[in-house]
C-alpha atoms as a PDB file:
ATOM      1  CA  MET A   1      73.034 106.325  80.689  1.00  0.00           C
ATOM      2  CA  TYR A   2      73.477 102.905  79.322  1.00  0.00           C
ATOM      3  CA  LYS A   3      70.639 100.308  77.805  1.00  0.00           C
ATOM      4  CA  PHE A   4      70.394  97.243  80.720  1.00  0.00           C
ATOM      5  CA  ARG A   5      67.902  95.057  80.157  1.00  0.00           C
ATOM      6  CA  LYS A   6      66.241  95.020  83.981  1.00  0.00           C
ATOM      7  CA  SER A   7      65.932  91.810  83.959  1.00  0.00           C
ATOM      8  CA  ASP A   8      69.870  90.806  83.420  1.00  0.00           C
ATOM      9  CA  LEU A   9      69.883  93.271  86.262  1.00  0.00           C
ATOM     10  CA  TYR A  10      67.564  90.981  88.594  1.00  0.00           C
ATOM     11  CA  PHE A  11      68.724  87.791  87.242  1.00  0.00           C
ATOM     12  CA  LYS A  12      72.219  89.456  88.392  1.00  0.00           C
ATOM     13  CA  ARG A  13      71.664  90.505  91.684  1.00  0.00           C
ATOM     14  CA  GLY A  14      69.846  87.345  92.193  1.00  0.00           C
ATOM     15  CA  LEU A  15      72.941  85.195  91.313  1.00  0.00           C
ATOM     16  CA  ASP A  16      75.188  87.443  93.509  1.00  0.00           C
ATOM     17  CA  ILE A  17      72.641  86.601  96.782  1.00  0.00           C
ATOM     18  CA  LEU A  18      72.355  82.911  96.211  1.00  0.00           C
ATOM     19  CA  ILE A  19      75.789  82.534  95.458  1.00  0.00           C
ATOM     20  CA  SER A  20      77.368  85.052  98.306  1.00  0.00           C
ATOM     21  CA  VAL A  21      75.145  83.446 101.187  1.00  0.00           C
ATOM     22  CA  THR A  22      75.674  80.094 100.302  1.00  0.00           C
ATOM     23  CA  LEU A  23      79.435  80.099 100.456  1.00  0.00           C
ATOM     24  CA  LEU A  24      79.420  82.280 103.596  1.00  0.00           C
ATOM     25  CA  LEU A  25      77.338  79.860 105.488  1.00  0.00           C
ATOM     26  CA  LEU A  26      79.424  76.964 104.096  1.00  0.00           C
ATOM     27  CA  LEU A  27      83.065  78.728 104.831  1.00  0.00           C
ATOM     28  CA  ILE A  28      82.392  79.704 108.442  1.00  0.00           C
ATOM     29  CA  PRO A  29      84.906  76.940 109.527  1.00  0.00           C
ATOM     30  CA  LEU A  30      87.216  78.374 106.883  1.00  0.00           C
ATOM     31  CA  PHE A  31      86.912  81.880 108.651  1.00  0.00           C
ATOM     32  CA  ILE A  32      87.424  81.188 111.555  1.00  0.00           C
ATOM     33  CA  VAL A  33      90.827  79.546 110.967  1.00  0.00           C
ATOM     34  CA  ILE A  34      91.949  82.246 108.721  1.00  0.00           C
ATOM     35  CA  SER A  35      91.194  84.413 111.683  1.00  0.00           C
ATOM     36  CA  LEU A  36      93.302  82.728 114.322  1.00  0.00           C
ATOM     37  CA  PHE A  37      96.222  81.999 112.182  1.00  0.00           C
ATOM     38  CA  LEU A  38      95.940  86.092 111.016  1.00  0.00           C
ATOM     39  CA  LYS A  39      95.829  86.538 115.470  1.00  0.00           C
ATOM     40  CA  ILE A  40      98.915  84.349 115.452  1.00  0.00           C
ATOM     41  CA  ASP A  41     100.668  85.745 112.833  1.00  0.00           C
ATOM     42  CA  SER A  42     100.502  89.673 112.868  1.00  0.00           C
ATOM     43  CA  ARG A  43      99.533  91.855 115.085  1.00  0.00           C
ATOM     44  CA  GLY A  44      96.803  94.096 114.201  1.00  0.00           C
ATOM     45  CA  PRO A  45      92.764  93.470 113.097  1.00  0.00           C
ATOM     46  CA  ILE A  46      91.584  90.170 111.371  1.00  0.00           C
ATOM     47  CA  PHE A  47      89.828  92.246 108.554  1.00  0.00           C
ATOM     48  CA  PHE A  48      91.574  95.194 106.312  1.00  0.00           C
ATOM     49  CA  LYS A  49      88.559  97.943 105.991  1.00  0.00           C
ATOM     50  CA  GLN A  50      89.124 100.720 103.199  1.00  0.00           C
ATOM     51  CA  ALA A  51      87.304 103.284 100.841  1.00  0.00           C
ATOM     52  CA  ARG A  52      86.456 102.036  97.290  1.00  0.00           C
ATOM     53  CA  LEU A  53      84.555 103.661  95.043  1.00  0.00           C
ATOM     54  CA  SER A  54      81.335 101.605  93.965  1.00  0.00           C
ATOM     55  CA  LEU A  55      78.481 102.370  91.097  1.00  0.00           C
ATOM     56  CA  ASN A  56      78.330 105.975  89.622  1.00  0.00           C
ATOM     57  CA  GLY A  57      81.452 106.829  92.340  1.00  0.00           C
ATOM     58  CA  LYS A  58      79.594 106.156  95.595  1.00  0.00           C
ATOM     59  CA  GLU A  59      82.148 105.602  98.550  1.00  0.00           C
ATOM     60  CA  PHE A  60      81.985 102.335 100.557  1.00  0.00           C
ATOM     61  CA  MET A  61      84.448 100.577 102.577  1.00  0.00           C
ATOM     62  CA  ILE A  62      85.715  97.442 101.436  1.00  0.00           C
ATOM     63  CA  LEU A  63      86.357  94.155 103.585  1.00  0.00           C
ATOM     64  CA  LYS A  64      89.180  92.047 103.259  1.00  0.00           C
ATOM     65  CA  PHE A  65      91.245  89.758 105.406  1.00  0.00           C
ATOM     66  CA  ARG A  66      94.754  91.750 106.656  1.00  0.00           C
ATOM     67  CA  THR A  67      97.384  90.384 104.635  1.00  0.00           C
ATOM     68  CA  MET A  68      99.753  93.645 105.697  1.00  0.00           C
ATOM     69  CA  ILE A  69     100.918  95.756 108.958  1.00  0.00           C
ATOM     70  CA  VAL A  70      99.030  97.905 109.970  1.00  0.00           C
ATOM     71  CA  ASN A  71      98.543 101.390 108.079  1.00  0.00           C
ATOM     72  CA  ALA A  72     100.494  99.529 105.111  1.00  0.00           C
ATOM     73  CA  GLU A  73      99.416 102.135 102.392  1.00  0.00           C
ATOM     74  CA  LYS A  74     100.358 105.165 104.298  1.00  0.00           C
ATOM     75  CA  THR A  75     104.267 103.196 104.138  1.00  0.00           C
ATOM     76  CA  GLY A  76     106.357 101.933 101.391  1.00  0.00           C
ATOM     77  CA  ALA A  77     104.667 101.965  98.035  1.00  0.00           C
ATOM     78  CA  GLY A  78     101.277 102.964  99.434  1.00  0.00           C
ATOM     79  CA  LEU A  79      99.009 101.413  97.516  1.00  0.00           C
ATOM     80  CA  PHE A  80     101.392  99.428  94.774  1.00  0.00           C
ATOM     81  CA  ASN A  81     102.387  95.657  95.584  1.00  0.00           C
ATOM     82  CA  TYR A  82     105.493  94.915  94.330  1.00  0.00           C
ATOM     83  CA  SER A  83     107.166  91.396  94.865  1.00  0.00           C
ATOM     84  CA  ASN A  84     109.038  90.502  98.059  1.00  0.00           C
ATOM     85  CA  ASP A  85     107.288  93.275  99.714  1.00  0.00           C
ATOM     86  CA  PRO A  86     108.105  94.224 102.965  1.00  0.00           C
ATOM     87  CA  ARG A  87     105.064  94.692 104.666  1.00  0.00           C
ATOM     88  CA  VAL A  88     103.061  91.735 103.741  1.00  0.00           C
ATOM     89  CA  THR A  89     102.939  89.538 106.313  1.00  0.00           C
ATOM     90  CA  ARG A  90     104.076  86.005 106.308  1.00  0.00           C
ATOM     91  CA  PHE A  91     100.335  84.521 106.413  1.00  0.00           C
ATOM     92  CA  GLY A  92      99.564  87.726 104.350  1.00  0.00           C
ATOM     93  CA  ASP A  93     101.363  85.759 101.479  1.00  0.00           C
ATOM     94  CA  PHE A  94      99.676  82.901 101.464  1.00  0.00           C
ATOM     95  CA  LEU A  95      96.195  84.791 101.591  1.00  0.00           C
ATOM     96  CA  ARG A  96      97.143  86.374  98.513  1.00  0.00           C
ATOM     97  CA  ASN A  97      98.675  84.164  96.690  1.00  0.00           C
ATOM     98  CA  THR A  98      95.423  81.812  96.802  1.00  0.00           C
ATOM     99  CA  SER A  99      93.161  84.915  96.768  1.00  0.00           C
ATOM    100  CA  LEU A 100      91.415  83.827  99.977  1.00  0.00           C
ATOM    101  CA  ASP A 101      92.157  87.668 101.332  1.00  0.00           C
ATOM    102  CA  GLU A 102      89.337  88.027  99.288  1.00  0.00           C
ATOM    103  CA  LEU A 103      86.816  86.149 100.520  1.00  0.00           C
ATOM    104  CA  PRO A 104      85.070  88.627 103.306  1.00  0.00           C
ATOM    105  CA  GLN A 105      83.862  91.071 100.193  1.00  0.00           C
ATOM    106  CA  LEU A 106      81.548  88.354 100.037  1.00  0.00           C
ATOM    107  CA  ILE A 107      79.505  90.327 102.502  1.00  0.00           C
ATOM    108  CA  ASN A 108      79.698  93.638 100.747  1.00  0.00           C
ATOM    109  CA  VAL A 109      78.455  91.826  97.744  1.00  0.00           C
ATOM    110  CA  ILE A 110      75.005  90.746 100.069  1.00  0.00           C
ATOM    111  CA  LYS A 111      74.921  94.660 101.730  1.00  0.00           C
ATOM    112  CA  GLY A 112      75.108  96.101  97.845  1.00  0.00           C
ATOM    113  CA  ASP A 113      78.206  97.896  98.031  1.00  0.00           C
ATOM    114  CA  MET A 114      79.589  94.875  94.812  1.00  0.00           C
ATOM    115  CA  SER A 115      78.666  92.114  92.557  1.00  0.00           C
ATOM    116  CA  LEU A 116      80.712  88.586  91.915  1.00  0.00           C
ATOM    117  CA  VAL A 117      81.433  90.133  89.033  1.00  0.00           C
ATOM    118  CA  GLY A 118      82.472  93.885  87.673  1.00  0.00           C
ATOM    119  CA  PRO A 119      85.179  95.823  87.805  1.00  0.00           C
ATOM    120  CA  ARG A 120      87.653  95.500  90.803  1.00  0.00           C
ATOM    121  CA  PRO A 121      86.726  98.753  93.063  1.00  0.00           C
ATOM    122  CA  CYS A 122      89.771 101.152  92.604  1.00  0.00           C
ATOM    123  CA  VAL A 123      90.552 103.389  96.016  1.00  0.00           C
ATOM    124  CA  THR A 124      88.968 106.441  96.488  1.00  0.00           C
ATOM    125  CA  TYR A 125      91.955 108.449  95.835  1.00  0.00           C
ATOM    126  CA  GLU A 126      93.416 106.092  93.636  1.00  0.00           C
ATOM    127  CA  LEU A 127      92.223 107.756  89.992  1.00  0.00           C
ATOM    128  CA  GLY A 128      92.102 111.428  91.264  1.00  0.00           C
ATOM    129  CA  ASP A 129      88.905 113.370  91.179  1.00  0.00           C
ATOM    130  CA  TYR A 130      85.891 111.074  90.351  1.00  0.00           C
ATOM    131  CA  GLU A 131      84.076 114.282  88.827  1.00  0.00           C
ATOM    132  CA  THR A 132      86.501 115.181  86.767  1.00  0.00           C
ATOM    133  CA  LEU A 133      87.801 111.096  85.184  1.00  0.00           C
ATOM    134  CA  ASN A 134      87.110 111.378  81.356  1.00  0.00           C
ATOM    135  CA  ARG A 135      84.410 109.826  79.822  1.00  0.00           C
ATOM    136  CA  ARG A 136      86.083 106.274  79.431  1.00  0.00           C
ATOM    137  CA  TYR A 137      87.441 106.227  82.667  1.00  0.00           C
ATOM    138  CA  LYS A 138      84.474 107.071  84.499  1.00  0.00           C
ATOM    139  CA  ARG A 139      82.519 104.350  82.070  1.00  0.00           C
ATOM    140  CA  ARG A 140      83.288 101.802  84.433  1.00  0.00           C
ATOM    141  CA  PHE A 141      81.952 103.059  86.897  1.00  0.00           C
ATOM    142  CA  SER A 142      77.974 102.589  85.505  1.00  0.00           C
ATOM    143  CA  VAL A 143      78.102  99.008  86.875  1.00  0.00           C
ATOM    144  CA  LEU A 144      78.851  97.333  90.748  1.00  0.00           C
ATOM    145  CA  PRO A 145      82.422  96.550  91.068  1.00  0.00           C
ATOM    146  CA  GLY A 146      83.298  93.349  91.531  1.00  0.00           C
ATOM    147  CA  ILE A 147      85.172  90.777  93.426  1.00  0.00           C
ATOM    148  CA  THR A 148      86.331  89.188  90.364  1.00  0.00           C
ATOM    149  CA  GLY A 149      86.055  90.659  86.808  1.00  0.00           C
ATOM    150  CA  TYR A 150      87.210  90.485  82.945  1.00  0.00           C
ATOM    151  CA  ALA A 151      90.208  92.090  83.473  1.00  0.00           C
ATOM    152  CA  GLN A 152      91.379  89.860  86.782  1.00  0.00           C
ATOM    153  CA  ILE A 153      90.528  86.703  84.919  1.00  0.00           C
ATOM    154  CA  LYS A 154      92.306  88.586  81.753  1.00  0.00           C
ATOM    155  CA  GLY A 155      95.902  90.052  83.331  1.00  0.00           C
ATOM    156  CA  ARG A 156      94.951  90.733  86.723  1.00  0.00           C
ATOM    157  CA  ASN A 157      97.656  92.870  87.853  1.00  0.00           C
ATOM    158  CA  GLU A 158     100.278  92.396  85.007  1.00  0.00           C
ATOM    159  CA  ILE A 159      98.289  94.539  82.616  1.00  0.00           C
ATOM    160  CA  THR A 160      98.329  98.413  82.880  1.00  0.00           C
ATOM    161  CA  TRP A 161      95.420 100.485  85.034  1.00  0.00           C
ATOM    162  CA  ASP A 162      94.356 101.870  81.195  1.00  0.00           C
ATOM    163  CA  GLU A 163      94.706  98.246  79.577  1.00  0.00           C
ATOM    164  CA  LYS A 164      92.359  97.383  82.634  1.00  0.00           C
ATOM    165  CA  VAL A 165      89.991 100.350  82.195  1.00  0.00           C
ATOM    166  CA  ASN A 166      89.475  99.246  78.822  1.00  0.00           C
ATOM    167  CA  LEU A 167      88.673  95.577  79.610  1.00  0.00           C
ATOM    168  CA  ASP A 168      86.110  96.655  82.337  1.00  0.00           C
ATOM    169  CA  ASN A 169      84.660  98.670  79.430  1.00  0.00           C
ATOM    170  CA  GLU A 170      83.899  95.956  77.034  1.00  0.00           C
ATOM    171  CA  TYR A 171      83.250  93.933  79.870  1.00  0.00           C
ATOM    172  CA  ILE A 172      79.879  95.721  80.253  1.00  0.00           C
ATOM    173  CA  ASP A 173      79.649  95.875  76.555  1.00  0.00           C
ATOM    174  CA  LEU A 174      79.244  92.006  76.586  1.00  0.00           C
ATOM    175  CA  PHE A 175      76.890  91.929  79.793  1.00  0.00           C
ATOM    176  CA  ILE A 176      74.657  94.461  77.589  1.00  0.00           C
ATOM    177  CA  LYS A 177      74.698  91.670  75.068  1.00  0.00           C
ATOM    178  CA  ARG A 178      74.733  88.714  77.080  1.00  0.00           C
ATOM    179  CA  GLY A 179      73.448  89.443  80.297  1.00  0.00           C
ATOM    180  CA  ILE A 180      74.735  86.777  83.292  1.00  0.00           C
ATOM    181  CA  LEU A 181      75.675  84.274  80.905  1.00  0.00           C
ATOM    182  CA  ILE A 182      79.172  86.814  81.011  1.00  0.00           C
ATOM    183  CA  ASP A 183      79.712  86.628  84.511  1.00  0.00           C
ATOM    184  CA  LEU A 184      79.021  82.315  84.554  1.00  0.00           C
ATOM    185  CA  LEU A 185      81.721  82.528  82.638  1.00  0.00           C
ATOM    186  CA  ILE A 186      83.562  84.834  84.249  1.00  0.00           C
ATOM    187  CA  LEU A 187      83.026  82.919  87.590  1.00  0.00           C
ATOM    188  CA  VAL A 188      83.809  79.573  86.294  1.00  0.00           C
ATOM    189  CA  LYS A 189      87.335  81.268  84.808  1.00  0.00           C
ATOM    190  CA  THR A 190      88.184  82.448  88.022  1.00  0.00           C
ATOM    191  CA  PHE A 191      87.528  79.602  89.951  1.00  0.00           C
ATOM    192  CA  SER A 192      89.679  77.252  87.589  1.00  0.00           C
ATOM    193  CA  SER A 193      92.338  79.490  88.035  1.00  0.00           C
ATOM    194  CA  VAL A 194      92.395  81.020  91.783  1.00  0.00           C
ATOM    195  CA  PHE A 195      95.031  78.991  93.068  1.00  0.00           C
ATOM    196  CA  LYS A 196      97.598  79.915  90.492  1.00  0.00           C
ATOM    197  CA  ARG A 197     100.395  82.013  91.925  1.00  0.00           C
ATOM    198  CA  ASN A 198     100.605  84.173  88.438  1.00  0.00           C
ATOM    199  CA  SER A 199      99.815  88.143  88.471  1.00  0.00           C
ATOM    200  CA  ILE A 200     100.146  88.506  92.190  1.00  0.00           C
ATOM    201  CA  TYR A 201     102.181  91.814  92.293  1.00  0.00           C
ATOM    202  CA  GLU A 202     102.523  94.456  90.081  1.00  0.00           C
ATOM    203  CA  ASP A 203     106.026  95.047  88.064  1.00  0.00           C
ATOM    204  CA  LYS A 204     107.739  98.281  88.210  1.00  0.00           C
ATOM    205  CA  ILE A 205     108.816 101.250  86.145  1.00  0.00           C
ATOM    206  CA  SER A 206     112.301 100.495  86.794  1.00  0.00           C
ATOM    207  CA  GLY A 207     114.363  97.370  89.062  1.00  0.00           C
ATOM    208  CA  ILE A 208     117.246 100.438  89.704  1.00  0.00           C
ATOM    209  CA  ILE A 209     114.640 102.708  91.505  1.00  0.00           C
ATOM    210  CA  ASP A 210     113.054 101.579  94.950  1.00  0.00           C
ATOM    211  CA  ASP A 211     109.256 101.048  95.718  1.00  0.00           C
ATOM    212  CA  GLN A 212     108.671 104.392  96.673  1.00  0.00           C
ATOM    213  CA  GLU A 213     110.077 106.057  93.768  1.00  0.00           C
ATOM    214  CA  SER A 214     108.263 103.853  91.034  1.00  0.00           C
ATOM    215  CA  ALA A 215     105.035 103.975  93.319  1.00  0.00           C
ATOM    216  CA  LYS A 216     105.332 107.690  93.090  1.00  0.00           C
ATOM    217  CA  MET A 217     105.869 107.762  89.383  1.00  0.00           C
ATOM    218  CA  GLN A 218     102.850 105.066  88.443  1.00  0.00           C
ATOM    219  CA  GLU A 219     100.586 107.358  90.389  1.00  0.00           C
ATOM    220  CA  ILE A 220     101.401 110.604  88.835  1.00  0.00           C
ATOM    221  CA  GLU A 221     100.747 108.596  85.572  1.00  0.00           C
ATOM    222  CA  ILE A 222      97.440 106.923  86.461  1.00  0.00           C
ATOM    223  CA  ILE A 223      96.124 110.172  87.342  1.00  0.00           C
ATOM    224  CA  ARG A 224      97.286 111.416  84.079  1.00  0.00           C
ATOM    225  CA  ARG A 225      95.623 109.062  82.022  1.00  0.00           C
ATOM    226  CA  ALA A 226      92.464 109.285  83.772  1.00  0.00           C
ATOM    227  CA  HIS A 227      92.163 112.568  83.207  1.00  0.00           C
ATOM    228  CA  GLN A 228      93.411 113.111  79.955  1.00  0.00           C
ATOM    229  CA  GLU A 229      90.995 114.025  77.022  1.00  0.00           C
ATOM    230  CA  GLU A 230      89.932 111.648  74.635  1.00  0.00           C
END
């Protein structure tokens, strides 16, 4: 559907494996320390697993260090995470602020579910039915999702889903033109800003409504835009 050069895809996959395997080996001690603190801090599993959408809408299980109470997505604001969210554990807040909760996704990259760079993978039901997504939203699924991406270095959670989709599609255009050079640029910018505490939480529609009501309104609007004819 899109004219990706095979050499760019091979280089991208090679870069993914090289960096991911190297980082996993180097970070084994950190994984152990984080796991111990998670067990001490709150009850529940070390890893959080969730069904997400990958290339062409294929489902996979994403891995993260758990930062919330067990079954958090079924309570409160659901998939949305606002400031002072009571579902986030004390150590989980630290992991989120430093993006260390994302490290287990290196395993997803090695397995081929994800890439280091690409659109962030959405929860399977986050955008509604994949098959009926409009053309602009579906286009972002023409590449593997990433641990980081163009939208993340441009704004992370402070931008809307619609703006993220535009940036994701802009990344696809840039990758077609520049190949892995754009991936390398995004990785450098990600590492340079990983410990900044900005854009961690999403903004509520209004400060006078509770988290659950805001989340419901935003969920409806996101799905509406994702299926709106353009």
